[in-house]
Amino acid sequence: MPAPHHVLCIHGIGKHVPTWVATKDDGGKSFEATVQQRWAALPTLAKVKFDDAVHLQPVCYDDEIRKLLKNWKDQVGSIKQALKSSPILSAEAERFIPYFDDATANAGADPSTDGDWRETHLADLLIIMGSPTLQQALVAHIVDQMLKHILKWAKEEDGLPRVSVVAHSAGTAMAHKAIQALYNEKVNGISLGDHFQFGLVCMIANVSYTLTRNRETHYDGWLRPSLKVGKGCCTRWINVNHELDPVGRFMPFDPPPSWLELDVEVRQWSRDTVLSALSSKNVHSINHYFRDPRLHVPFFQLLVNAPLTDDEIGKASADFAATTVEGGAKTLVSALKQLDPSHATSFKDWFDDLRAFRKLVRDYAEEWK
């Protein structure tokens, strides 16, 4: 039996453990269980046991954030100062201080409640954006994990393993920087050679462009699908956002036409999709994205060359449509539609929208039931 296709999974902001793909998330299921459930629901794929075909390998950087911020209050003071020289946020540094103050005031709260550092997610995002030193440490931590896994699989499988990447939210920015580093820099004396390509890179709620420091060169380099070895990090690519998710709509990932090779486009090996259906109140959750066949069908098709039939794709779409609940959450949907970060003129505006989004998700919990 051939070795499974390994998928390196890089999480977004918020509380995550090193085994995060197996911990419960939106819908009371883990990301791993959600992917397995979608696999089993497609008859063509169900003929093969998921674990024999696909291996989801978590990559975690939240543990490194917590380690680096062990003395939270002291570190926050330093980060507040670093914001003033941040390539992205220097012009707005003073406007973000309240987010850190909120996070500091709630740092001891129970992480299982809504009070878990009420602005934890936004504080994490500010740390990633505002502290170049910390960001470099996080990227190095991610690259180290990715390399160790790839080298381990290469040794076990006696050759180049089949490896893909799934990244979510702030993890897309981490993935972007980590993959660039894998090809351009040496980590512990090792770097990937030009001959290595990932199979599929899937960016969910992509904020890599939003969080880049140099927008003039963001679409240059290795982060593109290519059929030419040495010209791109992968052969297949998925970029997906949701029209009700404010995270990826401010400065969205929108490469120029020259970014995509004709050979890739003709084969439909690059997909750029905007989802619209709502199946839970936590529209930003990676599970919420992956339940939608507009994502998981092309994901499986591009990941393992799944020859899915029109009938099973149609059934997957019908089954999913039966779980969507816009009609039962009209007020929430209306409120989410009013959040439109695409018109934001500053990072402060975007953060205010994200803060409002988190509050909406909490406030409409009862309506959702």
Protein backbone atom coordinates (compact mmCIF):
# COMPACT_ATOMS: atom_id res chain seq x y z
CA MET A 1 0.00 0.00 0.00
CA PRO A 2 1.43 3.42 -0.94
CA ALA A 3 2.25 5.90 1.81
CA PRO A 4 -0.53 8.38 2.64
CA HIS A 5 -0.55 11.92 1.34
CA HIS A 6 0.71 14.05 4.25
CA VAL A 7 -1.06 17.36 4.91
CA LEU A 8 0.70 19.92 7.10
CA CYS A 9 -2.09 21.88 8.89
CA ILE A 10 -1.26 25.37 10.20
CA HIS A 11 -3.85 26.88 12.55
CA GLY A 12 -5.13 30.44 12.87
CA ILE A 13 -5.08 32.76 15.87
CA GLY A 14 -6.52 31.84 19.24
CA LYS A 15 -5.87 29.02 21.67
CA HIS A 16 -4.40 25.89 20.04
CA VAL A 17 -2.48 22.89 21.33
CA PRO A 18 0.16 20.92 19.37
CA THR A 19 -2.45 18.25 18.57
CA TRP A 20 -5.03 20.85 17.52
CA VAL A 21 -6.41 18.98 14.47
CA ALA A 22 -7.79 16.34 16.87
CA THR A 23 -9.35 18.75 19.41
CA LYS A 24 -13.02 19.71 19.24
CA ASP A 25 -13.92 22.88 17.40
CA ASP A 26 -17.01 24.32 15.71
CA GLY A 27 -19.88 21.82 15.58
CA GLY A 28 -18.46 19.77 18.45
CA LYS A 29 -16.04 18.03 16.09
CA SER A 30 -12.33 18.30 15.48
CA PHE A 31 -10.98 19.44 12.13
CA GLU A 32 -9.70 15.91 11.56
CA ALA A 33 -13.14 14.41 12.25
CA THR A 34 -14.78 16.97 9.94
CA VAL A 35 -12.44 16.08 7.07
CA GLN A 36 -12.91 12.34 7.70
CA GLN A 37 -16.70 12.75 7.75
CA ARG A 38 -16.69 14.57 4.42
CA TRP A 39 -14.40 11.90 2.95
CA ALA A 40 -16.66 9.06 4.10
CA ALA A 41 -19.74 10.77 2.62
CA LEU A 42 -18.32 10.59 -0.91
CA PRO A 43 -18.71 6.99 -2.22
CA THR A 44 -15.66 7.14 -4.48
CA LEU A 45 -13.44 8.14 -1.57
CA ALA A 46 -15.15 5.91 1.00
CA LYS A 47 -13.78 2.86 -0.84
CA VAL A 48 -10.42 3.70 0.74
CA LYS A 49 -9.91 4.19 4.47
CA PHE A 50 -9.12 7.85 5.14
CA ASP A 51 -6.12 7.09 7.35
CA ASP A 52 -4.61 4.95 4.59
CA ALA A 53 -4.91 7.76 2.05
CA VAL A 54 -4.43 11.00 4.00
CA HIS A 55 -2.45 11.94 7.09
CA LEU A 56 -3.25 15.28 8.74
CA GLN A 57 -0.18 16.55 10.59
CA PRO A 58 -0.77 19.54 12.90
CA VAL A 59 1.73 22.39 12.90
CA CYS A 60 1.37 24.59 15.97
CA TYR A 61 2.77 28.03 16.73
CA ASP A 62 0.42 29.12 19.53
CA ASP A 63 2.54 27.15 22.01
CA GLU A 64 5.52 29.26 20.95
CA ILE A 65 3.54 32.48 21.42
CA ARG A 66 2.65 31.43 24.96
CA LYS A 67 6.25 30.43 25.67
CA LEU A 68 7.63 33.71 24.38
CA LEU A 69 4.98 35.63 26.33
CA LYS A 70 5.34 33.75 29.60
CA ASN A 71 5.76 37.09 31.39
CA TRP A 72 2.76 38.55 29.58
CA LYS A 73 2.60 42.00 31.17
CA ASP A 74 6.32 42.66 30.75
CA GLN A 75 6.29 41.43 27.17
CA VAL A 76 3.21 43.46 26.27
CA GLY A 77 4.99 46.63 27.34
CA SER A 78 7.81 45.81 24.93
CA ILE A 79 5.41 44.96 22.12
CA LYS A 80 3.53 48.22 22.60
CA GLN A 81 6.83 50.01 21.99
CA ALA A 82 7.66 47.74 19.03
CA LEU A 83 4.36 48.70 17.39
CA LYS A 84 5.72 52.21 16.92
CA SER A 85 8.39 50.87 14.57
CA SER A 86 6.28 48.14 12.95
CA PRO A 87 6.48 48.24 9.12
CA ILE A 88 2.71 47.67 9.03
CA LEU A 89 1.27 49.42 12.09
CA SER A 90 3.60 52.28 13.03
CA ALA A 91 1.18 54.95 11.80
CA GLU A 92 -1.63 53.52 13.93
CA ALA A 93 0.35 52.20 16.91
CA GLU A 94 -1.35 54.28 19.61
CA ARG A 95 -4.82 53.26 18.43
CA PHE A 96 -4.13 49.59 19.23
CA ILE A 97 -3.05 50.01 22.85
CA PRO A 98 -6.61 49.34 24.19
CA TYR A 99 -6.56 45.85 22.68
CA PHE A 100 -3.47 44.94 24.66
CA ASP A 101 -4.91 46.55 27.78
CA ASP A 102 -8.07 44.42 27.42
CA ALA A 103 -6.02 41.28 26.90
CA THR A 104 -3.79 42.04 29.88
CA ALA A 105 -6.79 42.67 32.13
CA ASN A 106 -8.27 39.29 31.20
CA ALA A 107 -5.08 37.24 30.96
CA GLY A 108 -6.04 35.07 33.93
CA ALA A 109 -9.57 34.27 32.75
CA ASP A 110 -10.78 30.74 32.16
CA PRO A 111 -9.86 29.95 28.51
CA SER A 112 -12.96 27.76 28.15
CA THR A 113 -15.28 30.75 28.51
CA ASP A 114 -16.09 33.74 26.32
CA GLY A 115 -13.98 35.78 28.70
CA ASP A 116 -10.77 34.03 27.66
CA TRP A 117 -8.71 37.18 27.23
CA ARG A 118 -11.68 38.86 25.57
CA GLU A 119 -9.43 40.14 22.85
CA THR A 120 -7.04 37.18 22.75
CA HIS A 121 -7.48 36.60 19.04
CA LEU A 122 -6.91 40.25 18.21
CA ALA A 123 -3.99 40.49 20.64
CA ASP A 124 -2.38 37.49 18.96
CA LEU A 125 -2.89 39.13 15.59
CA LEU A 126 -1.29 42.36 16.82
CA ILE A 127 1.66 40.40 18.20
CA ILE A 128 2.20 38.72 14.83
CA MET A 129 1.86 42.03 12.98
CA GLY A 130 3.58 44.35 15.41
CA SER A 131 6.64 42.48 16.62
CA PRO A 132 9.09 41.57 13.81
CA THR A 133 11.35 39.74 16.28
CA LEU A 134 8.52 37.58 17.59
CA GLN A 135 7.20 36.97 14.09
CA GLN A 136 10.61 35.74 12.96
CA ALA A 137 10.74 33.38 15.93
CA LEU A 138 7.28 32.01 15.07
CA VAL A 139 8.19 31.49 11.40
CA ALA A 140 11.40 29.69 12.40
CA HIS A 141 9.36 27.52 14.79
CA ILE A 142 6.93 26.60 11.99
CA VAL A 143 9.68 25.96 9.43
CA ASP A 144 11.50 23.73 11.90
CA GLN A 145 8.38 21.61 12.38
CA MET A 146 7.67 21.40 8.65
CA LEU A 147 11.24 20.36 7.83
CA LYS A 148 11.38 17.74 10.58
CA HIS A 149 8.16 16.16 9.36
CA ILE A 150 9.20 16.21 5.67
CA LEU A 151 12.64 14.72 6.41
CA LYS A 152 11.11 12.06 8.66
CA TRP A 153 8.62 11.02 5.97
CA ALA A 154 11.36 11.02 3.31
CA LYS A 155 13.43 8.65 5.44
CA GLU A 156 10.49 6.38 6.23
CA GLU A 157 9.31 6.27 2.62
CA ASP A 158 12.77 6.15 1.03
CA GLY A 159 12.14 9.04 -1.31
CA LEU A 160 10.33 12.34 -1.66
CA PRO A 161 7.05 12.12 0.27
CA ARG A 162 3.77 13.52 -1.01
CA VAL A 163 3.14 16.62 1.12
CA SER A 164 0.52 19.36 0.99
CA VAL A 165 -0.31 22.37 3.19
CA VAL A 166 -3.59 23.63 4.66
CA ALA A 167 -3.46 26.98 6.45
CA HIS A 168 -6.25 28.94 8.12
CA SER A 169 -6.62 32.63 8.97
CA ALA A 170 -3.40 34.08 10.43
CA GLY A 171 -1.89 30.69 9.68
CA THR A 172 -2.00 31.63 5.98
CA ALA A 173 0.41 34.51 6.67
CA MET A 174 2.59 32.17 8.71
CA ALA A 175 2.48 29.57 5.90
CA HIS A 176 3.37 32.21 3.30
CA LYS A 177 6.42 33.34 5.24
CA ALA A 178 7.42 29.81 6.25
CA ILE A 179 7.29 28.41 2.71
CA GLN A 180 9.31 31.35 1.39
CA ALA A 181 11.85 30.68 4.13
CA LEU A 182 11.94 26.95 3.35
CA TYR A 183 13.17 27.68 -0.16
CA ASN A 184 15.26 30.78 0.43
CA GLU A 185 16.88 30.24 3.82
CA LYS A 186 18.54 27.49 5.80
CA VAL A 187 16.96 26.45 9.10
CA ASN A 188 19.34 24.45 11.28
CA GLY A 189 21.54 24.15 8.20
CA ILE A 190 18.77 22.71 6.00
CA SER A 191 16.53 24.15 3.29
CA LEU A 192 14.26 22.63 0.66
CA GLY A 193 15.82 22.28 -2.75
CA ASP A 194 14.33 23.58 -5.99
CA HIS A 195 13.30 20.02 -6.87
CA PHE A 196 10.79 19.75 -4.00
CA GLN A 197 7.20 20.84 -4.55
CA PHE A 198 4.19 20.52 -2.32
CA GLY A 199 1.18 18.92 -3.96
CA LEU A 200 -1.57 21.30 -2.87
CA VAL A 201 -1.45 24.54 -0.91
CA CYS A 202 -4.90 25.44 0.47
CA MET A 203 -5.31 28.91 2.00
CA ILE A 204 -8.54 29.31 4.02
CA ALA A 205 -9.63 32.84 5.06
CA ASN A 206 -6.42 34.07 3.50
CA VAL A 207 -4.83 37.09 5.19
CA SER A 208 -1.32 36.61 3.82
CA TYR A 209 -1.54 39.81 1.79
CA THR A 210 -3.13 41.75 4.65
CA LEU A 211 -0.30 40.82 7.00
CA THR A 212 2.58 41.19 4.55
CA ARG A 213 5.20 43.84 5.15
CA ASN A 214 6.03 44.42 1.51
CA ARG A 215 3.00 44.43 -0.76
CA GLU A 216 5.09 45.33 -3.80
CA THR A 217 6.78 41.91 -3.74
CA HIS A 218 4.08 39.80 -2.08
CA TYR A 219 3.16 37.92 -5.24
CA ASP A 220 6.78 37.32 -6.23
CA GLY A 221 8.82 34.31 -5.23
CA TRP A 222 7.81 30.75 -4.43
CA LEU A 223 4.21 31.19 -3.30
CA ARG A 224 2.43 30.13 -6.47
CA PRO A 225 1.39 26.93 -8.23
CA SER A 226 3.62 25.94 -11.13
CA LEU A 227 4.20 22.92 -13.35
CA LYS A 228 7.81 24.05 -13.79
CA VAL A 229 10.16 22.78 -11.12
CA GLY A 230 11.92 25.72 -9.50
CA LYS A 231 9.17 28.21 -10.37
CA GLY A 232 6.58 27.53 -7.65
CA CYS A 233 6.12 25.85 -4.27
CA CYS A 234 3.28 23.57 -5.41
CA THR A 235 1.45 22.26 -8.44
CA ARG A 236 -2.07 22.94 -7.14
CA TRP A 237 -3.60 25.82 -5.19
CA ILE A 238 -6.86 26.70 -3.43
CA ASN A 239 -7.70 30.14 -2.09
CA VAL A 240 -11.05 30.39 -0.30
CA ASN A 241 -12.89 33.06 1.69
CA HIS A 242 -16.48 33.53 2.88
CA GLU A 243 -18.62 36.56 2.08
CA LEU A 244 -19.84 36.73 5.71
CA ASP A 245 -16.37 36.29 7.25
CA PRO A 246 -14.74 39.71 7.81
CA VAL A 247 -11.27 38.26 8.37
CA GLY A 248 -10.20 37.75 4.76
CA ARG A 249 -12.06 40.64 3.13
CA PHE A 250 -9.72 43.48 4.12
CA MET A 251 -6.87 43.66 1.61
CA PRO A 252 -7.80 40.24 0.18
CA PHE A 253 -5.37 37.92 -1.59
CA ASP A 254 -5.84 39.04 -5.19
CA PRO A 255 -2.83 38.23 -7.37
CA PRO A 256 -2.33 39.78 -10.81
CA PRO A 257 -3.11 37.66 -13.91
CA SER A 258 0.60 37.05 -14.46
CA TRP A 259 0.77 35.15 -11.13
CA LEU A 260 -1.04 32.10 -12.54
CA GLU A 261 0.54 30.00 -15.28
CA LEU A 262 -1.67 29.15 -18.24
CA ASP A 263 -0.91 25.42 -17.85
CA VAL A 264 -2.19 25.50 -14.25
CA GLU A 265 -5.28 27.51 -15.18
CA VAL A 266 -6.22 25.24 -18.09
CA ARG A 267 -6.01 22.18 -15.84
CA GLN A 268 -8.15 23.99 -13.21
CA TRP A 269 -5.45 23.27 -10.67
CA SER A 270 -5.92 26.67 -9.07
CA ARG A 271 -9.25 27.59 -7.49
CA ASP A 272 -10.27 30.94 -6.02
CA THR A 273 -13.64 30.60 -4.29
CA VAL A 274 -15.90 32.79 -2.17
CA LEU A 275 -18.34 30.78 -0.07
CA SER A 276 -21.76 32.14 0.88
CA ALA A 277 -23.72 29.43 2.73
CA LEU A 278 -23.95 29.50 6.52
CA SER A 279 -23.93 26.28 8.54
CA SER A 280 -22.97 27.66 11.97
CA LYS A 281 -22.67 30.97 13.78
CA ASN A 282 -18.88 30.72 13.78
CA VAL A 283 -18.46 31.54 10.11
CA HIS A 284 -14.69 31.96 10.51
CA SER A 285 -14.09 28.46 11.86
CA ILE A 286 -12.01 26.14 9.69
CA ASN A 287 -14.72 23.49 10.20
CA HIS A 288 -17.37 25.88 8.89
CA TYR A 289 -15.35 26.36 5.74
CA PHE A 290 -14.59 22.69 5.25
CA ARG A 291 -18.17 21.43 5.64
CA ASP A 292 -19.07 23.27 2.44
CA PRO A 293 -18.66 21.06 -0.68
CA ARG A 294 -17.52 24.16 -2.58
CA LEU A 295 -14.31 23.66 -0.61
CA HIS A 296 -14.00 20.00 0.31
CA VAL A 297 -14.93 18.64 -3.14
CA PRO A 298 -12.14 20.50 -5.02
CA PHE A 299 -9.85 19.90 -2.04
CA PHE A 300 -10.15 16.12 -2.42
CA GLN A 301 -10.07 16.34 -6.20
CA LEU A 302 -6.80 18.26 -6.18
CA LEU A 303 -5.25 16.49 -3.18
CA VAL A 304 -5.69 12.85 -4.23
CA ASN A 305 -6.97 13.15 -7.81
CA ALA A 306 -10.38 11.92 -6.63
CA PRO A 307 -12.53 11.00 -9.68
CA LEU A 308 -15.78 12.15 -8.06
CA THR A 309 -18.93 11.66 -10.12
CA ASP A 310 -21.52 14.34 -10.85
CA ASP A 311 -24.09 12.34 -8.87
CA GLU A 312 -22.04 12.18 -5.66
CA ILE A 313 -21.06 15.84 -5.94
CA GLY A 314 -24.73 16.70 -6.41
CA LYS A 315 -25.68 14.65 -3.35
CA ALA A 316 -22.93 16.29 -1.28
CA SER A 317 -24.30 19.70 -2.29
CA ALA A 318 -27.90 18.72 -1.48
CA ASP A 319 -26.93 17.20 1.88
CA PHE A 320 -25.01 20.34 2.80
CA ALA A 321 -27.84 22.63 1.69
CA ALA A 322 -30.12 20.80 4.13
CA THR A 323 -27.81 21.81 7.00
CA THR A 324 -27.59 25.51 6.18
CA VAL A 325 -29.58 27.73 8.48
CA GLU A 326 -29.77 31.22 7.06
CA GLY A 327 -33.53 31.18 7.52
CA GLY A 328 -33.17 30.50 11.23
CA ALA A 329 -30.58 33.18 11.81
CA LYS A 330 -31.74 36.12 9.71
CA THR A 331 -30.70 38.72 12.26
CA LEU A 332 -27.17 37.32 12.50
CA VAL A 333 -26.83 37.08 8.71
CA SER A 334 -28.05 40.65 8.30
CA ALA A 335 -25.60 41.90 10.93
CA LEU A 336 -22.70 40.01 9.33
CA LYS A 337 -23.54 41.44 5.92
CA GLN A 338 -23.30 44.94 7.38
CA LEU A 339 -19.71 44.25 8.39
CA ASP A 340 -17.83 45.06 5.21
CA PRO A 341 -14.08 45.31 5.81
CA SER A 342 -13.50 45.66 2.07
CA HIS A 343 -14.30 49.35 2.60
CA ALA A 344 -12.01 49.72 5.63
CA THR A 345 -9.40 52.44 5.18
CA SER A 346 -7.08 51.45 8.03
CA PHE A 347 -6.02 48.48 10.14
CA LYS A 348 -7.89 50.07 13.03
CA ASP A 349 -11.13 49.91 11.02
CA TRP A 350 -10.43 46.25 10.22
CA PHE A 351 -9.75 45.42 13.86
CA ASP A 352 -12.97 47.16 14.88
CA ASP A 353 -14.86 44.98 12.41
CA LEU A 354 -13.18 41.84 13.78
CA ARG A 355 -14.04 42.89 17.31
CA ALA A 356 -17.66 43.45 16.28
CA PHE A 357 -17.67 40.05 14.56
CA ARG A 358 -16.53 38.24 17.72
CA LYS A 359 -19.25 40.03 19.69
CA LEU A 360 -21.92 39.06 17.13
CA VAL A 361 -20.93 35.40 17.32
CA ARG A 362 -21.35 35.50 21.11
CA ASP A 363 -24.52 37.61 21.20
CA TYR A 364 -26.43 35.49 18.69
CA ALA A 365 -25.68 32.16 20.36
CA GLU A 366 -29.22 31.94 21.74
CA GLU A 367 -30.85 32.83 18.42
CA TRP A 368 -28.81 30.09 16.77
CA LYS A 369 -30.21 27.45 19.12
